[in-house]
Protein backbone atom coordinates (compact mmCIF):
# COMPACT_ATOMS: atom_id res chain seq x y z
CA UNK A 1 -3.20 -13.71 9.93
CA UNK A 2 -5.61 -12.05 7.51
CA UNK A 3 -6.46 -13.63 4.16
CA UNK A 4 -7.97 -12.15 1.02
CA UNK A 5 -8.61 -12.81 -2.62
CA UNK A 6 -8.29 -10.30 -5.44
CA UNK A 7 -8.04 -9.99 -9.19
CA UNK A 8 -5.56 -7.93 -11.14
CA UNK A 9 -6.64 -4.50 -12.33
CA UNK A 10 -5.94 -3.83 -16.01
CA UNK A 11 -6.71 -0.11 -16.08
CA UNK A 12 -3.42 0.09 -17.98
CA UNK A 13 -3.96 -2.45 -20.79
CA UNK A 14 -0.22 -3.25 -20.95
CA UNK A 15 -0.03 -4.77 -17.45
CA UNK A 16 -2.13 -5.69 -14.47
CA UNK A 17 -1.58 -4.53 -10.92
CA UNK A 18 -2.52 -6.07 -7.61
CA UNK A 19 -3.57 -4.20 -4.47
CA UNK A 20 -0.20 -4.56 -2.75
CA UNK A 21 1.04 -1.08 -3.69
CA UNK A 22 -2.09 0.59 -2.38
CA UNK A 23 -1.96 -1.44 0.82
CA UNK A 24 1.73 -0.56 1.37
CA UNK A 25 0.95 3.12 0.75
CA UNK A 26 -1.61 2.93 3.57
CA UNK A 27 1.09 1.67 5.96
CA UNK A 28 0.17 -2.01 5.90
CA UNK A 29 1.65 -5.10 4.25
CA UNK A 30 0.36 -7.54 1.65
CA UNK A 31 1.72 -10.49 -0.24
CA UNK A 32 0.30 -12.77 -2.89
CA UNK A 33 0.58 -16.52 -2.38
CA UNK A 34 -1.28 -18.50 -5.04
CA UNK A 35 -3.58 -17.88 -7.99
CA UNK A 36 -6.30 -19.95 -9.55
CA UNK A 37 -7.15 -19.65 -13.18
CA UNK A 38 -5.58 -17.29 -15.67
CA UNK A 39 -4.78 -14.09 -13.75
CA UNK A 40 -4.78 -12.09 -17.00
CA UNK A 41 -8.40 -13.10 -17.55
CA UNK A 42 -9.88 -12.65 -14.08
CA UNK A 43 -8.29 -15.54 -12.16
CA UNK A 44 -8.26 -14.92 -8.42
CA UNK A 45 -5.16 -14.50 -6.30
CA UNK A 46 -5.03 -15.56 -2.67
CA UNK A 47 -2.79 -13.59 -0.35
CA UNK A 48 -2.16 -12.23 3.11
CA UNK A 49 -2.45 -8.70 4.45
CA UNK A 50 -2.28 -6.62 7.62
CA UNK A 51 -4.27 -3.67 8.91
CA UNK A 52 -7.53 -2.31 7.63
CA UNK A 53 -6.78 -1.11 4.09
CA UNK A 54 -9.49 0.77 2.20
CA UNK A 55 -10.33 1.74 -1.38
CA UNK A 56 -9.42 -1.64 -2.89
CA UNK A 57 -12.51 -2.00 -5.07
CA UNK A 58 -10.48 -1.91 -8.31
CA UNK A 59 -9.12 -5.34 -7.39
CA UNK A 60 -12.35 -6.88 -6.07
CA UNK A 61 -10.39 -7.29 -2.82
CA UNK A 62 -12.32 -9.59 -0.49
CA UNK A 63 -11.26 -10.61 3.01
CA UNK A 64 -11.89 -14.33 3.59
CA UNK A 65 -11.48 -16.75 6.48
CA UNK A 66 -8.64 -19.18 7.10
CA UNK A 67 -10.99 -22.04 6.21
CA UNK A 68 -11.92 -20.39 2.91
CA UNK A 69 -8.23 -19.81 2.20
CA UNK A 70 -7.38 -23.44 2.85
CA UNK A 71 -10.24 -24.54 0.57
CA UNK A 72 -8.99 -22.18 -2.16
CA UNK A 73 -5.51 -23.75 -2.09
CA UNK A 74 -6.73 -27.33 -1.57
CA UNK A 75 -8.70 -27.03 -4.82
CA UNK A 76 -5.36 -26.40 -6.56
CA UNK A 77 -3.08 -28.64 -4.47
CA UNK A 78 -4.51 -31.35 -2.21
CA UNK A 79 -1.43 -31.26 0.04
CA UNK A 80 -2.35 -27.79 1.39
CA UNK A 81 -2.24 -27.22 5.13
CA UNK A 82 -2.11 -24.31 7.58
CA UNK A 83 1.40 -23.75 8.97
CA UNK A 84 2.11 -22.58 12.53
CA UNK A 85 2.41 -18.97 11.36
CA UNK A 86 -1.07 -19.15 9.82
CA UNK A 87 0.11 -19.15 6.22
CA UNK A 88 -1.13 -21.82 3.86
CA UNK A 89 1.60 -24.18 2.68
CA UNK A 90 1.81 -27.07 0.24
CA UNK A 91 4.09 -30.06 0.32
CA UNK A 92 7.00 -29.87 -2.09
CA UNK A 93 8.07 -33.24 -3.40
CA UNK A 94 11.68 -33.58 -4.36
CA UNK A 95 12.40 -35.64 -7.41
CA UNK A 96 15.65 -37.52 -7.41
């Protein structure tokens, strides 16, 4: 499992884009999981990716470790843990 953070690129002022499209176009996969802060104003997104994508500077794409990923999510939700598949999960409490 590979982890990364990125910010949205607002080259088009009407909407922001993430790096997922560029990563897919290079033959890899990417998915966003959780964001901290206001993503419209530079808040970071944590996600997962495969391969060795390049040219992701527009999104300040930064590969991070599993430990850094867990810390990122724990700062938002203290129930965060690493699941067997390597993805970070949080406990969902059902209200009755």
